[in-house]
Every structure is written in C-alpha cells, then in structure tokens.
Amino acid sequence: PPRFLPVQEKTIVAYKIWLEISKDIPKLARYSVGIKTDSLFVDAIESIAVASFLSKAEKIPWIRRAIMKLDTVKVMAYVLWESKHIDDKKYLRLSEPLDETGRMLGGWNGQLMKQNSPAKAGEK
C-alpha cells in the first residue's frame, strides 16, 4: 500500500468513517448536507496531498485550505447530529479523528509559519 503522511492517514480514517455513517443518513439530508460534506472531505484530502509535494513556502495556502475544509466538515457533522440525522455514537466516532487531524494540520501550519517568518529569513 502507498505511504502517506500521518495527517493524510488520519484524514483518510475520518473519511472512511464518514462513508460508513453517510449510508445511514436519511435521503433528504444525504443528498444535501451529505453530498456537501463528502465534497469537503475530498477537497481536504486533495489539499493535503498537494501540500505534501510542494516547497515549504508553497505549502501554507494548501494547508490552510485543508484546515478550512475540515473545519466545515466538523460544522456539517454537527448540523447532522443536531438535526438527529446521526446519533451520538456516530458523531463522536467521526469527531475524534477530525479533531486530531485539525490539531495535526494546525501544528503543520504553525511550524511552516515559523520557518517562513521574516525573522527567520533575516537569520539566513
């Protein structure tokens, strides 16, 4: 199997959980919020994959895009839970890897911001 960055692996884990959960969402929500959530997940996975191949300075906008997409996935999951389209157990099961992925992306973004800060540039 291909090797992925830990943040990619965690995002894929969350997406696989989403795929399982989305099958049980009522049709009306599945074809509205569900489709949008799926699209956001795919965009986030794509952004992380693109960032993994770029130079440090070029990675930042892609990582930020992934953060925004996954934050929106979290909101969509919350909406599904609040509207009783997914139960507590499924919501928690999905939220845990999403939260961990968010922390990983935030750490990656912070590290790159420090490395690309003007103070760092002046040290070179």
N, C-alpha and C. Protein backbone atom coordinates (compact mmCIF):
# COMPACT_ATOMS: atom_id res chain seq x y z
N PRO A 1 0.83 -1.21 0.00
CA PRO A 1 0.00 0.00 0.00
C PRO A 1 0.87 1.26 0.00
N PRO A 2 0.36 2.34 -0.57
CA PRO A 2 1.15 3.58 -0.60
C PRO A 2 1.38 4.13 0.80
N ARG A 3 2.47 4.86 0.95
CA ARG A 3 2.80 5.51 2.22
C ARG A 3 2.26 6.94 2.19
N PHE A 4 1.61 7.31 3.28
CA PHE A 4 1.05 8.65 3.39
C PHE A 4 1.62 9.33 4.62
N LEU A 5 1.56 10.65 4.62
CA LEU A 5 1.90 11.40 5.83
C LEU A 5 0.89 11.04 6.92
N PRO A 6 1.29 11.13 8.19
CA PRO A 6 0.34 10.82 9.27
C PRO A 6 -0.96 11.63 9.19
N VAL A 7 -0.87 12.88 8.79
CA VAL A 7 -2.08 13.70 8.69
C VAL A 7 -2.97 13.20 7.55
N GLN A 8 -2.37 12.71 6.46
CA GLN A 8 -3.15 12.13 5.38
C GLN A 8 -3.85 10.85 5.86
N GLU A 9 -3.11 10.02 6.58
CA GLU A 9 -3.68 8.77 7.08
C GLU A 9 -4.86 9.03 8.00
N LYS A 10 -4.73 10.01 8.89
CA LYS A 10 -5.81 10.33 9.82
C LYS A 10 -7.02 10.89 9.09
N THR A 11 -6.79 11.68 8.06
CA THR A 11 -7.90 12.22 7.27
C THR A 11 -8.62 11.10 6.52
N ILE A 12 -7.86 10.15 6.00
CA ILE A 12 -8.45 9.01 5.31
C ILE A 12 -9.27 8.17 6.29
N VAL A 13 -8.77 7.98 7.50
CA VAL A 13 -9.52 7.26 8.53
C VAL A 13 -10.86 7.95 8.77
N ALA A 14 -10.83 9.27 8.93
CA ALA A 14 -12.06 10.03 9.16
C ALA A 14 -13.01 9.90 7.97
N TYR A 15 -12.47 9.94 6.77
CA TYR A 15 -13.31 9.84 5.57
C TYR A 15 -13.96 8.46 5.47
N LYS A 16 -13.21 7.42 5.81
CA LYS A 16 -13.79 6.07 5.79
C LYS A 16 -14.92 5.94 6.80
N ILE A 17 -14.76 6.55 7.96
CA ILE A 17 -15.84 6.57 8.96
C ILE A 17 -17.04 7.32 8.38
N TRP A 18 -16.78 8.45 7.74
CA TRP A 18 -17.85 9.23 7.13
C TRP A 18 -18.62 8.39 6.10
N LEU A 19 -17.89 7.64 5.27
CA LEU A 19 -18.54 6.82 4.25
C LEU A 19 -19.48 5.79 4.88
N GLU A 20 -19.05 5.22 5.99
CA GLU A 20 -19.92 4.26 6.70
C GLU A 20 -21.17 4.95 7.26
N ILE A 21 -20.95 6.09 7.89
CA ILE A 21 -22.05 6.83 8.52
C ILE A 21 -23.03 7.37 7.48
N SER A 22 -22.51 7.87 6.37
CA SER A 22 -23.36 8.55 5.39
C SER A 22 -24.40 7.62 4.78
N LYS A 23 -24.13 6.32 4.76
CA LYS A 23 -25.10 5.36 4.20
C LYS A 23 -26.40 5.34 5.00
N ASP A 24 -26.32 5.65 6.29
CA ASP A 24 -27.48 5.57 7.17
C ASP A 24 -28.21 6.90 7.35
N ILE A 25 -27.73 7.94 6.72
CA ILE A 25 -28.37 9.25 6.82
C ILE A 25 -29.62 9.24 5.93
N PRO A 26 -30.74 9.76 6.42
CA PRO A 26 -31.94 9.82 5.59
C PRO A 26 -31.68 10.52 4.26
N LYS A 27 -32.39 10.08 3.22
CA LYS A 27 -32.14 10.55 1.86
C LYS A 27 -32.09 12.07 1.72
N LEU A 28 -33.04 12.76 2.27
CA LEU A 28 -33.08 14.22 2.11
C LEU A 28 -31.78 14.85 2.59
N ALA A 29 -31.32 14.48 3.77
CA ALA A 29 -30.08 15.03 4.32
C ALA A 29 -28.86 14.49 3.57
N ARG A 30 -28.91 13.22 3.17
CA ARG A 30 -27.78 12.61 2.46
C ARG A 30 -27.52 13.32 1.14
N TYR A 31 -28.58 13.72 0.46
CA TYR A 31 -28.43 14.35 -0.85
C TYR A 31 -28.27 15.86 -0.77
N SER A 32 -28.20 16.40 0.40
CA SER A 32 -27.92 17.83 0.56
C SER A 32 -26.66 17.99 1.40
N VAL A 33 -26.81 17.92 2.69
CA VAL A 33 -25.67 18.09 3.60
C VAL A 33 -24.64 16.98 3.38
N GLY A 34 -25.11 15.77 3.13
CA GLY A 34 -24.21 14.64 2.94
C GLY A 34 -23.30 14.81 1.74
N ILE A 35 -23.87 15.21 0.61
CA ILE A 35 -23.07 15.41 -0.60
C ILE A 35 -22.06 16.53 -0.39
N LYS A 36 -22.49 17.60 0.24
CA LYS A 36 -21.58 18.73 0.51
C LYS A 36 -20.44 18.28 1.42
N THR A 37 -20.77 17.53 2.46
CA THR A 37 -19.75 17.04 3.39
C THR A 37 -18.76 16.14 2.67
N ASP A 38 -19.26 15.26 1.83
CA ASP A 38 -18.38 14.38 1.06
C ASP A 38 -17.43 15.19 0.19
N SER A 39 -17.95 16.20 -0.48
CA SER A 39 -17.14 17.05 -1.34
C SER A 39 -16.06 17.79 -0.53
N LEU A 40 -16.43 18.27 0.65
CA LEU A 40 -15.46 18.95 1.51
C LEU A 40 -14.34 18.01 1.93
N PHE A 41 -14.69 16.78 2.28
CA PHE A 41 -13.69 15.78 2.64
C PHE A 41 -12.71 15.56 1.49
N VAL A 42 -13.23 15.37 0.29
CA VAL A 42 -12.38 15.12 -0.87
C VAL A 42 -11.48 16.31 -1.13
N ASP A 43 -12.01 17.52 -1.01
CA ASP A 43 -11.19 18.74 -1.19
C ASP A 43 -10.08 18.80 -0.15
N ALA A 44 -10.38 18.44 1.09
CA ALA A 44 -9.37 18.47 2.15
C ALA A 44 -8.27 17.44 1.87
N ILE A 45 -8.67 16.25 1.48
CA ILE A 45 -7.68 15.21 1.16
C ILE A 45 -6.80 15.66 -0.01
N GLU A 46 -7.41 16.26 -1.00
CA GLU A 46 -6.64 16.77 -2.15
C GLU A 46 -5.67 17.86 -1.71
N SER A 47 -6.12 18.78 -0.88
CA SER A 47 -5.26 19.88 -0.42
C SER A 47 -4.05 19.36 0.36
N ILE A 48 -4.28 18.38 1.20
CA ILE A 48 -3.17 17.79 1.97
C ILE A 48 -2.20 17.08 1.03
N ALA A 49 -2.73 16.35 0.05
CA ALA A 49 -1.87 15.65 -0.91
C ALA A 49 -1.03 16.64 -1.71
N VAL A 50 -1.64 17.71 -2.18
CA VAL A 50 -0.90 18.73 -2.93
C VAL A 50 0.18 19.35 -2.06
N ALA A 51 -0.18 19.72 -0.84
CA ALA A 51 0.79 20.35 0.08
C ALA A 51 1.99 19.44 0.33
N SER A 52 1.77 18.16 0.35
CA SER A 52 2.87 17.23 0.67
C SER A 52 3.97 17.25 -0.39
N PHE A 53 3.67 17.74 -1.59
CA PHE A 53 4.66 17.75 -2.67
C PHE A 53 5.28 19.12 -2.94
N LEU A 54 4.83 20.14 -2.24
CA LEU A 54 5.29 21.50 -2.53
C LEU A 54 6.44 21.93 -1.62
N SER A 55 7.06 23.04 -1.99
CA SER A 55 8.10 23.61 -1.13
C SER A 55 7.44 24.19 0.12
N LYS A 56 8.24 24.44 1.14
CA LYS A 56 7.69 24.91 2.42
C LYS A 56 6.82 26.15 2.27
N ALA A 57 7.28 27.13 1.52
CA ALA A 57 6.51 28.37 1.37
C ALA A 57 5.22 28.15 0.59
N GLU A 58 5.24 27.23 -0.37
CA GLU A 58 4.06 26.97 -1.19
C GLU A 58 3.01 26.12 -0.46
N LYS A 59 3.41 25.42 0.59
CA LYS A 59 2.50 24.54 1.32
C LYS A 59 1.43 25.30 2.10
N ILE A 60 1.77 26.46 2.62
CA ILE A 60 0.91 27.18 3.56
C ILE A 60 -0.52 27.39 3.05
N PRO A 61 -0.73 27.93 1.84
CA PRO A 61 -2.11 28.13 1.40
C PRO A 61 -2.89 26.81 1.27
N TRP A 62 -2.22 25.75 0.90
CA TRP A 62 -2.89 24.46 0.75
C TRP A 62 -3.25 23.87 2.11
N ILE A 63 -2.39 24.04 3.07
CA ILE A 63 -2.69 23.56 4.42
C ILE A 63 -3.84 24.36 5.01
N ARG A 64 -3.82 25.66 4.82
CA ARG A 64 -4.93 26.49 5.31
C ARG A 64 -6.25 26.11 4.64
N ARG A 65 -6.18 25.79 3.37
CA ARG A 65 -7.39 25.35 2.64
C ARG A 65 -7.91 24.05 3.26
N ALA A 66 -7.01 23.12 3.54
CA ALA A 66 -7.41 21.86 4.17
C ALA A 66 -8.03 22.10 5.54
N ILE A 67 -7.45 23.01 6.30
CA ILE A 67 -8.00 23.36 7.62
C ILE A 67 -9.41 23.90 7.48
N MET A 68 -9.62 24.81 6.53
CA MET A 68 -10.96 25.38 6.33
C MET A 68 -11.96 24.31 5.92
N LYS A 69 -11.55 23.44 5.02
CA LYS A 69 -12.46 22.39 4.54
C LYS A 69 -12.83 21.45 5.69
N LEU A 70 -11.85 21.02 6.48
CA LEU A 70 -12.14 20.10 7.58
C LEU A 70 -12.93 20.78 8.69
N ASP A 71 -12.68 22.06 8.93
CA ASP A 71 -13.50 22.78 9.91
C ASP A 71 -14.96 22.83 9.46
N THR A 72 -15.16 22.98 8.16
CA THR A 72 -16.52 22.99 7.64
C THR A 72 -17.15 21.59 7.74
N VAL A 73 -16.36 20.55 7.54
CA VAL A 73 -16.85 19.18 7.74
C VAL A 73 -17.34 19.02 9.18
N LYS A 74 -16.57 19.55 10.12
CA LYS A 74 -16.97 19.47 11.54
C LYS A 74 -18.32 20.15 11.77
N VAL A 75 -18.51 21.31 11.15
CA VAL A 75 -19.78 22.03 11.28
C VAL A 75 -20.91 21.22 10.66
N MET A 76 -20.67 20.63 9.50
CA MET A 76 -21.70 19.84 8.84
C MET A 76 -22.06 18.61 9.68
N ALA A 77 -21.06 17.98 10.27
CA ALA A 77 -21.32 16.83 11.14
C ALA A 77 -22.16 17.26 12.34
N TYR A 78 -21.85 18.43 12.87
CA TYR A 78 -22.61 18.96 13.99
C TYR A 78 -24.07 19.22 13.59
N VAL A 79 -24.26 19.77 12.41
CA VAL A 79 -25.62 20.02 11.91
C VAL A 79 -26.38 18.70 11.78
N LEU A 80 -25.73 17.68 11.24
CA LEU A 80 -26.37 16.37 11.11
C LEU A 80 -26.72 15.79 12.47
N TRP A 81 -25.85 15.97 13.43
CA TRP A 81 -26.09 15.46 14.78
C TRP A 81 -27.22 16.24 15.46
N GLU A 82 -27.17 17.56 15.37
CA GLU A 82 -28.20 18.40 15.98
C GLU A 82 -29.58 18.14 15.39
N SER A 83 -29.61 17.83 14.11
CA SER A 83 -30.89 17.57 13.45
C SER A 83 -31.30 16.10 13.57
N LYS A 84 -30.56 15.36 14.38
CA LYS A 84 -30.87 13.95 14.69
C LYS A 84 -30.75 13.01 13.48
N HIS A 85 -29.94 13.40 12.50
CA HIS A 85 -29.70 12.53 11.35
C HIS A 85 -28.59 11.53 11.63
N ILE A 86 -27.73 11.85 12.60
CA ILE A 86 -26.76 10.88 13.09
C ILE A 86 -26.83 10.87 14.61
N ASP A 87 -26.59 9.71 15.20
CA ASP A 87 -26.71 9.61 16.65
C ASP A 87 -25.39 10.01 17.34
N ASP A 88 -25.43 10.05 18.65
CA ASP A 88 -24.28 10.49 19.45
C ASP A 88 -23.03 9.66 19.15
N LYS A 89 -23.22 8.35 19.11
CA LYS A 89 -22.09 7.44 18.92
C LYS A 89 -21.39 7.70 17.58
N LYS A 90 -22.15 7.86 16.52
CA LYS A 90 -21.59 8.12 15.20
C LYS A 90 -20.92 9.49 15.15
N TYR A 91 -21.55 10.46 15.78
CA TYR A 91 -20.98 11.81 15.81
C TYR A 91 -19.63 11.80 16.53
N LEU A 92 -19.55 11.15 17.66
CA LEU A 92 -18.29 11.07 18.41
C LEU A 92 -17.24 10.29 17.63
N ARG A 93 -17.66 9.21 17.01
CA ARG A 93 -16.73 8.38 16.23
C ARG A 93 -16.11 9.18 15.09
N LEU A 94 -16.87 10.06 14.47
CA LEU A 94 -16.37 10.90 13.38
C LEU A 94 -15.58 12.09 13.92
N SER A 95 -16.02 12.66 15.02
CA SER A 95 -15.40 13.87 15.56
C SER A 95 -13.96 13.64 16.04
N GLU A 96 -13.71 12.48 16.62
CA GLU A 96 -12.38 12.23 17.18
C GLU A 96 -11.26 12.31 16.14
N PRO A 97 -11.34 11.58 15.00
CA PRO A 97 -10.26 11.73 14.02
C PRO A 97 -10.25 13.11 13.35
N LEU A 98 -11.42 13.75 13.25
CA LEU A 98 -11.44 15.10 12.68
C LEU A 98 -10.71 16.08 13.59
N ASP A 99 -10.94 15.97 14.89
CA ASP A 99 -10.25 16.85 15.84
C ASP A 99 -8.74 16.61 15.81
N GLU A 100 -8.35 15.36 15.76
CA GLU A 100 -6.92 15.05 15.71
C GLU A 100 -6.29 15.55 14.42
N THR A 101 -6.98 15.39 13.32
CA THR A 101 -6.49 15.90 12.04
C THR A 101 -6.35 17.42 12.10
N GLY A 102 -7.32 18.09 12.70
CA GLY A 102 -7.25 19.54 12.85
C GLY A 102 -6.03 19.98 13.65
N ARG A 103 -5.75 19.26 14.73
CA ARG A 103 -4.55 19.59 15.53
C ARG A 103 -3.28 19.37 14.72
N MET A 104 -3.25 18.29 13.95
CA MET A 104 -2.07 17.99 13.13
C MET A 104 -1.86 19.06 12.06
N LEU A 105 -2.94 19.45 11.40
CA LEU A 105 -2.83 20.50 10.38
C LEU A 105 -2.44 21.84 11.00
N GLY A 106 -3.01 22.14 12.16
CA GLY A 106 -2.65 23.38 12.84
C GLY A 106 -1.19 23.41 13.23
N GLY A 107 -0.67 22.28 13.69
CA GLY A 107 0.75 22.19 14.03
C GLY A 107 1.63 22.33 12.81
N TRP A 108 1.24 21.71 11.72
CA TRP A 108 1.99 21.80 10.47
C TRP A 108 2.01 23.23 9.98
N ASN A 109 0.85 23.89 10.01
CA ASN A 109 0.76 25.28 9.59
C ASN A 109 1.63 26.18 10.49
N GLY A 110 1.55 25.99 11.78
CA GLY A 110 2.34 26.80 12.71
C GLY A 110 3.84 26.63 12.50
N GLN A 111 4.24 25.39 12.29
CA GLN A 111 5.66 25.10 12.05
C GLN A 111 6.14 25.80 10.78
N LEU A 112 5.34 25.73 9.72
CA LEU A 112 5.72 26.38 8.47
C LEU A 112 5.74 27.90 8.60
N MET A 113 4.79 28.44 9.36
CA MET A 113 4.76 29.89 9.57
C MET A 113 6.03 30.36 10.28
N LYS A 114 6.47 29.60 11.28
CA LYS A 114 7.70 29.95 11.98
C LYS A 114 8.90 29.87 11.04
N GLN A 115 8.95 28.82 10.25
CA GLN A 115 10.08 28.63 9.34
C GLN A 115 10.12 29.68 8.25
N ASN A 116 8.98 30.23 7.89
CA ASN A 116 8.92 31.21 6.80
C ASN A 116 8.72 32.64 7.30
N SER A 117 8.88 32.84 8.61
CA SER A 117 8.69 34.18 9.16
C SER A 117 9.83 35.10 8.74
N PRO A 118 9.57 36.43 8.70
CA PRO A 118 10.61 37.38 8.31
C PRO A 118 11.84 37.31 9.23
N ALA A 119 11.63 37.04 10.51
CA ALA A 119 12.76 36.92 11.44
C ALA A 119 13.67 35.77 11.02
N LYS A 120 13.09 34.65 10.63
CA LYS A 120 13.87 33.51 10.17
C LYS A 120 14.62 33.85 8.89
N ALA A 121 13.95 34.58 8.00
CA ALA A 121 14.57 34.95 6.73
C ALA A 121 15.79 35.83 6.95
N GLY A 122 15.74 36.70 7.95
CA GLY A 122 16.86 37.58 8.26
C GLY A 122 18.05 36.85 8.86
N GLU A 123 17.82 35.69 9.44
CA GLU A 123 18.89 34.90 10.05
C GLU A 123 19.75 34.21 9.01
N LYS A 124 19.22 34.01 7.80
CA LYS A 124 19.93 33.23 6.78
C LYS A 124 21.08 33.98 6.18
